[in-house]
C-alpha atoms as a PDB file:
ATOM      1  CA  MET A   1      -2.702 -33.854  -2.244  1.00  0.00           C
ATOM      2  CA  ALA A   2      -5.855 -31.730  -1.517  1.00  0.00           C
ATOM      3  CA  LYS A   3      -5.329 -27.602  -1.213  1.00  0.00           C
ATOM      4  CA  LYS A   4      -4.989 -26.587   1.831  1.00  0.00           C
ATOM      5  CA  ARG A   5      -8.224 -24.138   2.833  1.00  0.00           C
ATOM      6  CA  ILE A   6      -7.837 -21.023   4.904  1.00  0.00           C
ATOM      7  CA  THR A   7     -10.009 -21.077   8.053  1.00  0.00           C
ATOM      8  CA  PRO A   8     -11.620 -17.770   8.687  1.00  0.00           C
ATOM      9  CA  ALA A   9      -9.418 -17.219  11.528  1.00  0.00           C
ATOM     10  CA  LEU A  10      -6.563 -17.346   9.276  1.00  0.00           C
ATOM     11  CA  PHE A  11      -7.990 -15.258   6.855  1.00  0.00           C
ATOM     12  CA  LYS A  12      -6.515 -11.517   7.611  1.00  0.00           C
ATOM     13  CA  PRO A  13      -7.745  -8.937   5.569  1.00  0.00           C
ATOM     14  CA  LEU A  14      -5.086  -6.667   4.227  1.00  0.00           C
ATOM     15  CA  ARG A  15      -4.741  -2.885   4.972  1.00  0.00           C
ATOM     16  CA  ARG A  16      -4.407   0.311   3.579  1.00  0.00           C
ATOM     17  CA  ALA A  17      -2.845   3.690   5.032  1.00  0.00           C
ATOM     18  CA  LEU A  18      -5.393   6.327   6.455  1.00  0.00           C
ATOM     19  CA  SER A  19      -5.288   9.934   5.164  1.00  0.00           C
ATOM     20  CA  VAL A  20      -5.676  10.950   8.814  1.00  0.00           C
ATOM     21  CA  PRO A  21      -4.410   8.911  12.217  1.00  0.00           C
ATOM     22  CA  VAL A  22      -7.757   7.458  14.013  1.00  0.00           C
ATOM     23  CA  TRP A  23      -6.558   9.040  17.210  1.00  0.00           C
ATOM     24  CA  ALA A  24      -6.206  12.317  15.467  1.00  0.00           C
ATOM     25  CA  ASP A  25      -9.849  11.996  13.674  1.00  0.00           C
ATOM     26  CA  VAL A  26     -11.412  11.033  17.054  1.00  0.00           C
ATOM     27  CA  ALA A  27      -9.638  14.601  18.664  1.00  0.00           C
ATOM     28  CA  LEU A  28     -10.464  16.719  15.706  1.00  0.00           C
ATOM     29  CA  ARG A  29     -14.376  15.676  15.990  1.00  0.00           C
ATOM     30  CA  LEU A  30     -14.589  15.924  19.594  1.00  0.00           C
ATOM     31  CA  GLY A  31     -12.973  19.308  19.522  1.00  0.00           C
ATOM     32  CA  GLY A  32     -15.308  20.738  17.341  1.00  0.00           C
ATOM     33  CA  ALA A  33     -18.387  19.058  18.919  1.00  0.00           C
ATOM     34  CA  LEU A  34     -17.055  20.779  22.227  1.00  0.00           C
ATOM     35  CA  ALA A  35     -16.396  23.856  20.442  1.00  0.00           C
ATOM     36  CA  LEU A  36     -19.699  24.108  19.141  1.00  0.00           C
ATOM     37  CA  VAL A  37     -21.464  23.455  22.568  1.00  0.00           C
ATOM     38  CA  PHE A  38     -19.141  26.097  24.199  1.00  0.00           C
ATOM     39  CA  ILE A  39     -20.659  28.641  21.914  1.00  0.00           C
ATOM     40  CA  VAL A  40     -23.980  27.322  22.652  1.00  0.00           C
ATOM     41  CA  VAL A  41     -23.591  27.938  26.209  1.00  0.00           C
ATOM     42  CA  MET A  42     -22.045  30.725  25.898  1.00  0.00           C
ATOM     43  CA  VAL A  43     -24.814  32.382  23.611  1.00  0.00           C
ATOM     44  CA  HIS A  44     -27.445  31.287  26.391  1.00  0.00           C
ATOM     45  CA  TRP A  45     -25.456  32.391  29.242  1.00  0.00           C
ATOM     46  CA  ILE A  46     -25.433  36.135  27.428  1.00  0.00           C
ATOM     47  CA  ASP A  47     -29.217  35.982  27.115  1.00  0.00           C
ATOM     48  CA  ARG A  48     -30.046  34.479  30.373  1.00  0.00           C
ATOM     49  CA  ASP A  49     -32.488  36.945  30.837  1.00  0.00           C
ATOM     50  CA  GLY A  50     -34.861  35.906  28.290  1.00  0.00           C
ATOM     51  CA  LEU A  51     -35.246  32.036  29.969  1.00  0.00           C
ATOM     52  CA  LYS A  52     -37.270  30.694  32.425  1.00  0.00           C
ATOM     53  CA  ASP A  53     -37.098  28.267  35.050  1.00  0.00           C
ATOM     54  CA  ALA A  54     -40.230  26.825  35.954  1.00  0.00           C
ATOM     55  CA  HIS A  55     -38.420  24.805  39.227  1.00  0.00           C
ATOM     56  CA  ASP A  56     -37.260  28.006  40.906  1.00  0.00           C
ATOM     57  CA  GLY A  57     -37.282  31.059  38.684  1.00  0.00           C
ATOM     58  CA  VAL A  58     -33.465  31.882  38.504  1.00  0.00           C
ATOM     59  CA  ILE A  59     -31.232  30.922  35.546  1.00  0.00           C
ATOM     60  CA  SER A  60     -27.681  29.590  37.127  1.00  0.00           C
ATOM     61  CA  PHE A  61     -24.878  28.804  35.235  1.00  0.00           C
ATOM     62  CA  LEU A  62     -25.777  25.134  35.683  1.00  0.00           C
ATOM     63  CA  ASP A  63     -29.087  25.597  34.338  1.00  0.00           C
ATOM     64  CA  VAL A  64     -27.476  26.956  31.393  1.00  0.00           C
ATOM     65  CA  VAL A  65     -24.779  24.408  30.567  1.00  0.00           C
ATOM     66  CA  TYR A  66     -28.104  21.993  31.510  1.00  0.00           C
ATOM     67  CA  PHE A  67     -30.620  23.781  28.994  1.00  0.00           C
ATOM     68  CA  THR A  68     -27.631  23.897  26.138  1.00  0.00           C
ATOM     69  CA  MET A  69     -27.707  20.300  26.280  1.00  0.00           C
ATOM     70  CA  ILE A  70     -31.122  19.590  26.666  1.00  0.00           C
ATOM     71  CA  SER A  71     -31.381  21.905  23.528  1.00  0.00           C
ATOM     72  CA  ILE A  72     -28.709  20.373  21.122  1.00  0.00           C
ATOM     73  CA  THR A  73     -29.835  16.801  21.979  1.00  0.00           C
ATOM     74  CA  THR A  74     -33.301  18.065  21.108  1.00  0.00           C
ATOM     75  CA  THR A  75     -34.305  16.237  24.446  1.00  0.00           C
ATOM     76  CA  GLY A  76     -36.671  19.345  25.485  1.00  0.00           C
ATOM     77  CA  PHE A  77     -38.071  18.537  28.930  1.00  0.00           C
ATOM     78  CA  GLY A  78     -40.181  21.889  28.826  1.00  0.00           C
ATOM     79  CA  ASP A  79     -38.587  22.927  32.466  1.00  0.00           C
ATOM     80  CA  ILE A  80     -36.147  25.770  31.118  1.00  0.00           C
ATOM     81  CA  ALA A  81     -37.620  27.556  28.189  1.00  0.00           C
ATOM     82  CA  PRO A  82     -36.973  30.581  25.953  1.00  0.00           C
ATOM     83  CA  VAL A  83     -39.981  33.002  26.412  1.00  0.00           C
ATOM     84  CA  SER A  84     -38.460  36.296  25.311  1.00  0.00           C
ATOM     85  CA  ASP A  85     -38.779  37.212  21.317  1.00  0.00           C
ATOM     86  CA  LYS A  86     -34.788  37.839  21.277  1.00  0.00           C
ATOM     87  CA  SER A  87     -34.631  34.310  22.865  1.00  0.00           C
ATOM     88  CA  ARG A  88     -36.427  32.316  20.505  1.00  0.00           C
ATOM     89  CA  LEU A  89     -34.863  34.098  17.544  1.00  0.00           C
ATOM     90  CA  ILE A  90     -31.571  33.006  19.185  1.00  0.00           C
ATOM     91  CA  GLU A  91     -32.818  29.599  19.122  1.00  0.00           C
ATOM     92  CA  ALA A  92     -33.854  29.614  15.277  1.00  0.00           C
ATOM     93  CA  VAL A  93     -30.847  31.412  13.877  1.00  0.00           C
ATOM     94  CA  ILE A  94     -28.182  30.510  16.121  1.00  0.00           C
ATOM     95  CA  VAL A  95     -28.388  27.367  18.008  1.00  0.00           C
ATOM     96  CA  THR A  96     -30.577  25.487  15.457  1.00  0.00           C
ATOM     97  CA  PRO A  97     -27.535  25.655  12.799  1.00  0.00           C
ATOM     98  CA  ILE A  98     -25.529  24.511  15.760  1.00  0.00           C
ATOM     99  CA  ARG A  99     -27.144  21.678  17.058  1.00  0.00           C
ATOM    100  CA  LEU A 100     -27.558  19.659  13.547  1.00  0.00           C
ATOM    101  CA  ALA A 101     -23.537  20.703  12.655  1.00  0.00           C
ATOM    102  CA  VAL A 102     -23.067  18.937  16.177  1.00  0.00           C
ATOM    103  CA  ILE A 103     -25.647  15.421  15.181  1.00  0.00           C
ATOM    104  CA  TYR A 104     -23.717  15.882  11.813  1.00  0.00           C
ATOM    105  CA  ILE A 105     -20.616  15.395  13.883  1.00  0.00           C
ATOM    106  CA  PHE A 106     -21.363  12.607  15.574  1.00  0.00           C
ATOM    107  CA  VAL A 107     -23.196  11.044  13.000  1.00  0.00           C
ATOM    108  CA  GLY A 108     -19.866  11.157  11.208  1.00  0.00           C
ATOM    109  CA  THR A 109     -18.273   9.617  13.657  1.00  0.00           C
ATOM    110  CA  ALA A 110     -20.142   7.007  14.094  1.00  0.00           C
ATOM    111  CA  TYR A 111     -20.438   6.233  10.407  1.00  0.00           C
ATOM    112  CA  ASN A 112     -16.424   6.416   9.901  1.00  0.00           C
ATOM    113  CA  PHE A 113     -15.951   4.680  12.870  1.00  0.00           C
ATOM    114  CA  ILE A 114     -18.396   1.634  12.523  1.00  0.00           C
ATOM    115  CA  ILE A 115     -20.044   1.685   9.087  1.00  0.00           C
ATOM    116  CA  LYS A 116     -16.896   2.694   6.990  1.00  0.00           C
ATOM    117  CA  HIS A 117     -14.721   0.522   8.479  1.00  0.00           C
ATOM    118  CA  SER A 118     -16.902  -2.228   8.453  1.00  0.00           C
ATOM    119  CA  TRP A 119     -17.440  -1.329   4.840  1.00  0.00           C
ATOM    120  CA  GLU A 120     -13.267  -0.895   4.368  1.00  0.00           C
ATOM    121  CA  THR A 121     -12.867  -4.364   6.198  1.00  0.00           C
ATOM    122  CA  TRP A 122     -15.225  -6.356   3.603  1.00  0.00           C
ATOM    123  CA  ARG A 123     -13.896  -3.996   0.759  1.00  0.00           C
ATOM    124  CA  MET A 124     -10.520  -4.859   1.465  1.00  0.00           C
ATOM    125  CA  LYS A 125     -11.791  -8.777   1.685  1.00  0.00           C
ATOM    126  CA  ARG A 126     -13.113  -8.605  -1.275  1.00  0.00           C
ATOM    127  CA  ILE A 127     -10.074  -7.106  -2.900  1.00  0.00           C
ATOM    128  CA  GLN A 128      -7.945  -9.726  -1.191  1.00  0.00           C
ATOM    129  CA  GLU A 129     -10.348 -12.123  -2.999  1.00  0.00           C
ATOM    130  CA  ARG A 130      -9.977 -10.606  -6.420  1.00  0.00           C
ATOM    131  CA  LEU A 131      -5.985 -10.635  -6.268  1.00  0.00           C
ATOM    132  CA  ALA A 132      -4.582 -11.248  -9.332  1.00  0.00           C
ATOM    133  CA  GLY A 133      -1.361 -10.131 -11.545  1.00  0.00           C
ATOM    134  CA  HIS A 134       0.118  -8.530  -8.248  1.00  0.00           C
ATOM    135  CA  VAL A 135       3.519  -8.165  -6.932  1.00  0.00           C
ATOM    136  CA  VAL A 136       4.290 -10.125  -3.519  1.00  0.00           C
ATOM    137  CA  VAL A 137       7.062  -8.674  -1.390  1.00  0.00           C
ATOM    138  CA  LEU A 138       7.574 -10.636   0.727  1.00  0.00           C
ATOM    139  CA  GLY A 139      10.412  -8.404   3.514  1.00  0.00           C
ATOM    140  CA  TYR A 140      10.078  -4.794   3.566  1.00  0.00           C
ATOM    141  CA  GLY A 141      13.523  -4.300   4.924  1.00  0.00           C
ATOM    142  CA  VAL A 142      16.407  -1.967   2.884  1.00  0.00           C
ATOM    143  CA  SER A 143      16.183  -3.967   0.163  1.00  0.00           C
ATOM    144  CA  GLY A 144      12.518  -4.848   0.049  1.00  0.00           C
ATOM    145  CA  SER A 145      11.316  -0.883   0.526  1.00  0.00           C
ATOM    146  CA  GLU A 146      13.986  -0.085  -2.508  1.00  0.00           C
ATOM    147  CA  ALA A 147      12.627  -2.679  -5.168  1.00  0.00           C
ATOM    148  CA  VAL A 148       9.098  -0.810  -3.931  1.00  0.00           C
ATOM    149  CA  ALA A 149      10.316   2.385  -4.735  1.00  0.00           C
ATOM    150  CA  GLU A 150      11.487   1.321  -7.962  1.00  0.00           C
ATOM    151  CA  LEU A 151       8.249  -0.305  -9.115  1.00  0.00           C
ATOM    152  CA  ILE A 152       6.081   2.441  -8.406  1.00  0.00           C
ATOM    153  CA  ALA A 153       8.786   4.827 -10.571  1.00  0.00           C
ATOM    154  CA  ARG A 154       8.923   2.371 -13.001  1.00  0.00           C
ATOM    155  CA  GLY A 155       4.837   2.831 -13.425  1.00  0.00           C
ATOM    156  CA  THR A 156       3.436   0.077 -11.168  1.00  0.00           C
ATOM    157  CA  ASP A 157       0.476   1.061  -9.560  1.00  0.00           C
ATOM    158  CA  PRO A 158       0.849   0.599  -5.421  1.00  0.00           C
ATOM    159  CA  ALA A 159      -2.239  -1.262  -5.352  1.00  0.00           C
ATOM    160  CA  GLY A 160      -1.122  -3.550  -7.204  1.00  0.00           C
ATOM    161  CA  ILE A 161       1.615  -4.519  -4.586  1.00  0.00           C
ATOM    162  CA  VAL A 162       1.288  -6.706  -1.866  1.00  0.00           C
ATOM    163  CA  VAL A 163       3.951  -6.590   0.988  1.00  0.00           C
ATOM    164  CA  ILE A 164       4.406  -8.915   4.133  1.00  0.00           C
ATOM    165  CA  ASP A 165       6.324  -8.667   7.134  1.00  0.00           C
ATOM    166  CA  PRO A 166       6.530  -8.645  10.506  1.00  0.00           C
ATOM    167  CA  SER A 167       7.251  -5.679  11.695  1.00  0.00           C
ATOM    168  CA  PRO A 168       4.359  -3.145  12.343  1.00  0.00           C
ATOM    169  CA  GLN A 169       7.083  -0.556  11.723  1.00  0.00           C
ATOM    170  CA  ARG A 170       8.253  -1.740   8.338  1.00  0.00           C
ATOM    171  CA  LEU A 171       4.306  -2.411   7.219  1.00  0.00           C
ATOM    172  CA  ALA A 172       4.008   1.141   8.715  1.00  0.00           C
ATOM    173  CA  MET A 173       6.210   2.808   6.223  1.00  0.00           C
ATOM    174  CA  ALA A 174       4.490   0.240   2.954  1.00  0.00           C
ATOM    175  CA  GLU A 175       1.235   1.771   3.799  1.00  0.00           C
ATOM    176  CA  GLN A 176       2.824   5.393   3.523  1.00  0.00           C
ATOM    177  CA  ALA A 177       3.825   3.592   0.100  1.00  0.00           C
ATOM    178  CA  GLY A 178       0.050   3.281  -1.063  1.00  0.00           C
ATOM    179  CA  CYS A 179       0.770  -0.634  -1.050  1.00  0.00           C
ATOM    180  CA  ASN A 180      -1.212  -3.442   0.733  1.00  0.00           C
ATOM    181  CA  VAL A 181       0.144  -4.726   3.816  1.00  0.00           C
ATOM    182  CA  MET A 182      -0.344  -7.949   6.048  1.00  0.00           C
ATOM    183  CA  GLU A 183       1.261  -8.490   9.181  1.00  0.00           C
ATOM    184  CA  GLY A 184       2.619 -12.364   9.244  1.00  0.00           C
ATOM    185  CA  ASP A 185       5.294 -15.100   8.787  1.00  0.00           C
ATOM    186  CA  ALA A 186       5.814 -15.425   5.240  1.00  0.00           C
ATOM    187  CA  THR A 187       7.328 -18.984   6.041  1.00  0.00           C
ATOM    188  CA  ARG A 188       3.549 -20.256   6.823  1.00  0.00           C
ATOM    189  CA  ASP A 189       1.294 -21.493   3.491  1.00  0.00           C
ATOM    190  CA  ASP A 190      -1.334 -19.924   5.042  1.00  0.00           C
ATOM    191  CA  THR A 191      -0.224 -16.247   4.957  1.00  0.00           C
ATOM    192  CA  LEU A 192       1.266 -17.124   1.431  1.00  0.00           C
ATOM    193  CA  GLU A 193      -2.029 -18.446   0.304  1.00  0.00           C
ATOM    194  CA  ALA A 194      -4.388 -15.331   1.767  1.00  0.00           C
ATOM    195  CA  VAL A 195      -2.665 -12.911  -0.654  1.00  0.00           C
ATOM    196  CA  ARG A 196      -3.521 -15.463  -3.453  1.00  0.00           C
ATOM    197  CA  ILE A 197       0.175 -15.708  -4.111  1.00  0.00           C
ATOM    198  CA  SER A 198      -0.213 -18.506  -6.565  1.00  0.00           C
ATOM    199  CA  ARG A 199      -2.049 -15.897  -8.969  1.00  0.00           C
ATOM    200  CA  ALA A 200       0.530 -13.077  -8.595  1.00  0.00           C
ATOM    201  CA  GLN A 201       2.818 -12.003 -11.379  1.00  0.00           C
ATOM    202  CA  SER A 202       5.950 -12.215  -9.672  1.00  0.00           C
ATOM    203  CA  ILE A 203       7.410 -12.733  -6.031  1.00  0.00           C
ATOM    204  CA  LEU A 204      10.198 -10.845  -4.591  1.00  0.00           C
ATOM    205  CA  VAL A 205      12.079 -12.055  -1.131  1.00  0.00           C
ATOM    206  CA  SER A 206      14.289  -9.843   0.887  1.00  0.00           C
ATOM    207  CA  ALA A 207      13.957 -11.291   3.923  1.00  0.00           C
ATOM    208  CA  GLY A 208      17.416  -9.864   6.026  1.00  0.00           C
ATOM    209  CA  ARG A 209      18.681 -13.376   6.848  1.00  0.00           C
ATOM    210  CA  ASP A 210      19.675 -16.112   3.729  1.00  0.00           C
ATOM    211  CA  ASP A 211      18.084 -19.058   6.046  1.00  0.00           C
ATOM    212  CA  THR A 212      14.846 -17.115   6.618  1.00  0.00           C
ATOM    213  CA  THR A 213      14.767 -16.558   2.380  1.00  0.00           C
ATOM    214  CA  ILE A 214      15.730 -19.813   1.519  1.00  0.00           C
ATOM    215  CA  LEU A 215      12.723 -20.914   4.037  1.00  0.00           C
ATOM    216  CA  ILE A 216      10.961 -18.409   2.042  1.00  0.00           C
ATOM    217  CA  ILE A 217      11.824 -19.512  -1.253  1.00  0.00           C
ATOM    218  CA  LEU A 218      10.309 -23.203  -0.371  1.00  0.00           C
ATOM    219  CA  THR A 219       7.271 -22.280   0.709  1.00  0.00           C
ATOM    220  CA  ALA A 220       6.612 -19.795  -1.634  1.00  0.00           C
ATOM    221  CA  ARG A 221       7.498 -22.102  -4.488  1.00  0.00           C
ATOM    222  CA  HIS A 222       4.969 -24.986  -2.981  1.00  0.00           C
ATOM    223  CA  VAL A 223       2.248 -22.265  -2.835  1.00  0.00           C
ATOM    224  CA  ALA A 224       2.450 -20.925  -6.225  1.00  0.00           C
ATOM    225  CA  PRO A 225       4.661 -23.437  -8.436  1.00  0.00           C
ATOM    226  CA  HIS A 226       4.919 -21.360 -11.530  1.00  0.00           C
ATOM    227  CA  VAL A 227       5.026 -17.641 -10.527  1.00  0.00           C
ATOM    228  CA  PRO A 228       8.550 -16.353 -11.036  1.00  0.00           C
ATOM    229  CA  ILE A 229      10.323 -15.454  -7.805  1.00  0.00           C
ATOM    230  CA  THR A 230      13.413 -12.982  -7.281  1.00  0.00           C
ATOM    231  CA  ALA A 231      15.460 -13.744  -3.939  1.00  0.00           C
ATOM    232  CA  VAL A 232      18.562 -11.949  -2.560  1.00  0.00           C
ATOM    233  CA  VAL A 233      20.926 -13.706  -0.607  1.00  0.00           C
ATOM    234  CA  ARG A 234      24.104 -12.097   0.788  1.00  0.00           C
ATOM    235  CA  ALA A 235      26.536 -15.368   0.508  1.00  0.00           C
ATOM    236  CA  ASP A 236      28.221 -16.678  -2.052  1.00  0.00           C
ATOM    237  CA  ASP A 237      27.535 -20.420  -1.216  1.00  0.00           C
ATOM    238  CA  ASN A 238      23.826 -19.481  -0.383  1.00  0.00           C
ATOM    239  CA  GLU A 239      23.279 -18.895  -4.061  1.00  0.00           C
ATOM    240  CA  LEU A 240      22.721 -22.290  -5.474  1.00  0.00           C
ATOM    241  CA  LEU A 241      20.754 -23.076  -2.609  1.00  0.00           C
ATOM    242  CA  ALA A 242      18.036 -20.466  -3.054  1.00  0.00           C
ATOM    243  CA  ARG A 243      18.114 -21.605  -6.362  1.00  0.00           C
ATOM    244  CA  GLN A 244      17.646 -25.434  -5.696  1.00  0.00           C
ATOM    245  CA  ALA A 245      14.531 -24.076  -3.436  1.00  0.00           C
ATOM    246  CA  GLY A 246      12.754 -22.314  -6.576  1.00  0.00           C
ATOM    247  CA  ALA A 247      14.285 -18.754  -7.007  1.00  0.00           C
ATOM    248  CA  ASN A 248      14.167 -18.143 -10.717  1.00  0.00           C
ATOM    249  CA  ASN A 249      16.762 -15.223 -10.094  1.00  0.00           C
ATOM    250  CA  VAL A 250      19.128 -14.708  -7.043  1.00  0.00           C
ATOM    251  CA  ILE A 251      20.592 -11.350  -6.389  1.00  0.00           C
ATOM    252  CA  ASN A 252      23.944 -11.009  -4.611  1.00  0.00           C
ATOM    253  CA  PRO A 253      24.032  -7.112  -3.401  1.00  0.00           C
ATOM    254  CA  VAL A 254      27.772  -8.218  -2.443  1.00  0.00           C
ATOM    255  CA  ARG A 255      28.797  -9.505  -5.741  1.00  0.00           C
ATOM    256  CA  PHE A 256      26.909  -6.143  -7.723  1.00  0.00           C
ATOM    257  CA  THR A 257      29.049  -4.259  -5.571  1.00  0.00           C
ATOM    258  CA  GLY A 258      32.114  -6.203  -6.724  1.00  0.00           C
ATOM    259  CA  LEU A 259      30.856  -5.919 -10.075  1.00  0.00           C
ATOM    260  CA  LEU A 260      30.700  -2.225  -9.951  1.00  0.00           C
ATOM    261  CA  LEU A 261      33.842  -1.941  -8.527  1.00  0.00           C
ATOM    262  CA  ALA A 262      35.841  -4.054 -10.891  1.00  0.00           C
ATOM    263  CA  GLY A 263      33.914  -2.024 -13.306  1.00  0.00           C
ATOM    264  CA  SER A 264      35.543   0.792 -12.206  1.00  0.00           C
ATOM    265  CA  ALA A 265      38.952   0.092 -12.347  1.00  0.00           C
ATOM    266  CA  GLU A 266      38.584  -0.962 -15.837  1.00  0.00           C
ATOM    267  CA  GLY A 267      37.203   2.314 -16.825  1.00  0.00           C
ATOM    268  CA  ARG A 268      35.593   5.480 -14.740  1.00  0.00           C
ATOM    269  CA  HIS A 269      32.308   5.336 -17.072  1.00  0.00           C
ATOM    270  CA  ILE A 270      31.442   1.731 -16.649  1.00  0.00           C
ATOM    271  CA  SER A 271      30.164   1.933 -13.153  1.00  0.00           C
ATOM    272  CA  ASP A 272      28.418   4.646 -13.760  1.00  0.00           C
ATOM    273  CA  TYR A 273      26.724   3.350 -16.952  1.00  0.00           C
ATOM    274  CA  LEU A 274      25.889  -0.248 -15.107  1.00  0.00           C
ATOM    275  CA  SER A 275      24.021   2.268 -12.132  1.00  0.00           C
ATOM    276  CA  ASP A 276      21.966   3.827 -14.976  1.00  0.00           C
ATOM    277  CA  LEU A 277      20.937   0.833 -16.559  1.00  0.00           C
ATOM    278  CA  ALA A 278      19.931  -0.554 -13.064  1.00  0.00           C
ATOM    279  CA  SER A 279      17.556   2.789 -11.834  1.00  0.00           C
ATOM    280  CA  VAL A 280      14.479   3.876 -14.002  1.00  0.00           C
ATOM    281  CA  ASN A 281      16.093   7.658 -13.006  1.00  0.00           C
ATOM    282  CA  GLY A 282      18.718   6.918 -15.700  1.00  0.00           C
ATOM    283  CA  ARG A 283      19.231   7.636 -19.288  1.00  0.00           C
ATOM    284  CA  VAL A 284      18.802   4.331 -20.639  1.00  0.00           C
ATOM    285  CA  GLN A 285      17.002   0.957 -19.258  1.00  0.00           C
ATOM    286  CA  LEU A 286      17.150  -2.358 -19.746  1.00  0.00           C
ATOM    287  CA  VAL A 287      13.575  -4.332 -20.510  1.00  0.00           C
ATOM    288  CA  GLU A 288      12.351  -7.625 -21.057  1.00  0.00           C
ATOM    289  CA  ARG A 289       9.853  -8.056 -23.240  1.00  0.00           C
ATOM    290  CA  ALA A 290       8.019 -11.135 -25.774  1.00  0.00           C
ATOM    291  CA  VAL A 291       8.621 -11.097 -29.190  1.00  0.00           C
ATOM    292  CA  THR A 292       6.035  -9.060 -31.017  1.00  0.00           C
ATOM    293  CA  ALA A 293       4.432 -10.482 -34.217  1.00  0.00           C
ATOM    294  CA  ASP A 294       5.979  -7.896 -36.541  1.00  0.00           C
ATOM    295  CA  GLU A 295       9.604  -8.970 -35.529  1.00  0.00           C
ATOM    296  CA  ILE A 296       9.119 -12.733 -35.658  1.00  0.00           C
ATOM    297  CA  GLY A 297      11.479 -13.866 -38.532  1.00  0.00           C
ATOM    298  CA  GLN A 298      13.353 -10.039 -38.231  1.00  0.00           C
ATOM    299  CA  PRO A 299      16.963 -10.380 -36.941  1.00  0.00           C
ATOM    300  CA  LEU A 300      17.568  -9.119 -33.198  1.00  0.00           C
ATOM    301  CA  GLU A 301      19.502  -6.056 -34.368  1.00  0.00           C
ATOM    302  CA  ARG A 302      16.532  -4.591 -36.562  1.00  0.00           C
ATOM    303  CA  ILE A 303      14.185  -4.352 -33.642  1.00  0.00           C
ATOM    304  CA  SER A 304      13.328  -0.663 -33.165  1.00  0.00           C
ATOM    305  CA  SER A 305      12.326  -0.474 -30.029  1.00  0.00           C
ATOM    306  CA  GLY A 306      16.098  -0.432 -28.768  1.00  0.00           C
ATOM    307  CA  LYS A 307      19.214  -1.970 -28.828  1.00  0.00           C
ATOM    308  CA  GLY A 308      18.906  -5.774 -28.808  1.00  0.00           C
ATOM    309  CA  LEU A 309      20.920  -7.653 -26.339  1.00  0.00           C
ATOM    310  CA  ARG A 310      19.991 -11.266 -25.603  1.00  0.00           C
ATOM    311  CA  ILE A 311      17.275 -13.750 -26.579  1.00  0.00           C
ATOM    312  CA  TYR A 312      15.845 -16.325 -24.507  1.00  0.00           C
ATOM    313  CA  ARG A 313      14.613 -19.118 -26.552  1.00  0.00           C
ATOM    314  CA  GLY A 314      13.268 -21.661 -24.490  1.00  0.00           C
ATOM    315  CA  GLU A 315      15.891 -22.325 -21.639  1.00  0.00           C
ATOM    316  CA  ARG A 316      18.548 -21.022 -24.044  1.00  0.00           C
ATOM    317  CA  ALA A 317      20.366 -17.350 -23.787  1.00  0.00           C
ATOM    318  CA  ILE A 318      21.168 -16.025 -27.137  1.00  0.00           C
ATOM    319  CA  GLY A 319      23.775 -13.517 -27.663  1.00  0.00           C
ATOM    320  CA  PHE A 320      23.386 -10.928 -30.302  1.00  0.00           C
ATOM    321  CA  TRP A 321      26.516 -12.082 -32.014  1.00  0.00           C
ATOM    322  CA  GLU A 322      25.577 -15.785 -32.412  1.00  0.00           C
ATOM    323  CA  PRO A 323      23.901 -17.046 -35.691  1.00  0.00           C
ATOM    324  CA  GLU A 324      20.835 -17.563 -33.721  1.00  0.00           C
ATOM    325  CA  ALA A 325      20.012 -13.805 -33.449  1.00  0.00           C
ATOM    326  CA  HIS A 326      19.726 -13.152 -36.909  1.00  0.00           C
ATOM    327  CA  VAL A 327      16.083 -14.973 -37.258  1.00  0.00           C
ATOM    328  CA  LEU A 328      13.179 -13.883 -34.116  1.00  0.00           C
ATOM    329  CA  GLU A 329      10.744 -16.902 -33.568  1.00  0.00           C
ATOM    330  CA  ALA A 330       7.508 -16.822 -32.336  1.00  0.00           C
ATOM    331  CA  GLY A 331       7.860 -17.675 -28.004  1.00  0.00           C
ATOM    332  CA  ASP A 332      10.919 -15.321 -28.115  1.00  0.00           C
ATOM    333  CA  VAL A 333      11.510 -13.227 -24.821  1.00  0.00           C
ATOM    334  CA  ILE A 334      13.943 -10.150 -25.826  1.00  0.00           C
ATOM    335  CA  VAL A 335      16.463  -8.203 -23.649  1.00  0.00           C
ATOM    336  CA  GLU A 336      16.964  -4.708 -24.536  1.00  0.00           C
ATOM    337  CA  ILE A 337      18.402  -1.701 -24.089  1.00  0.00           C
ATOM    338  CA  THR A 338      16.268   1.251 -24.514  1.00  0.00           C
ATOM    339  CA  ALA A 339      15.947   5.262 -23.362  1.00  0.00           C
ATOM    340  CA  THR A 340      14.083   6.330 -20.748  1.00  0.00           C
ATOM    341  CA  PRO A 341      10.960   8.322 -21.644  1.00  0.00           C
ATOM    342  CA  PRO A 342      11.433  11.860 -20.753  1.00  0.00           C
ATOM    343  CA  SER A 343       9.248  12.758 -17.872  1.00  0.00           C
ATOM    344  CA  ALA A 344       6.509  14.847 -18.089  1.00  0.00           C
END
């Protein structure tokens, strides 16, 4: 079947957080410009005797405001002009720098909200088209946000994380974390194709509801047949459905909590150690990696990077106590415990 193409109307550019909200930036720029104009009005009013009105010879406050505006905008009708040496000096030394500052503010505003905005939109579309090796997070609820925080803590660049969620409030939090975000429905092919999910390193699904999560898994597996998918489900009977839908890993937070509770019953340090393993902030970490060339032919217990626990050889899981663990082979994937590097 031919691959479905994304029409321009369906192509939604990614977003990244702005350092200053748009309304605040506009307010600061307008406030600065008005403050400078007010200063010039006051300077002209104080030195109004040095101005000449060709119309009636009287300089009123309205005349001063009028002269200030045409002076700052360099319109120069000539009906009001500085005639004294003092007034001309003020125009040259005080008003001209302020005029340049006001012009700079308005030109900068035009650049920021027209040119820069267009450039940023174009740039983000180019980034979007070149996405590869990124992590796609579908759902930014409690589990999704914690997963992103842990990824960043483990050294993942937030620019390499794409978050899709229908909630603008959740996306705002993801933006603040530095992630690329898109507001959309992750159960639709075009939404997932827009973030190049088939080129992703991995997909994390946490929709909050098991039925929605399973539907997202089905869609993601259809669009990205070879990308690993990890999903969170909360009901035991939905774990098998999630795997049948295409998830490579299924996490049940309720079951994991039960394991921690049971571990605590067997010994007070077991749950503490399990939590230590799961977090980058612990003293030890679980690491999954491919076997290196110098390790091929060596036993699992001889690896120098950590304590080898398991080998994945094709579809088979081999424990460190099994005979096959005495010889590492090319293509093996090792799961090991390593010490957490000390923070800088």
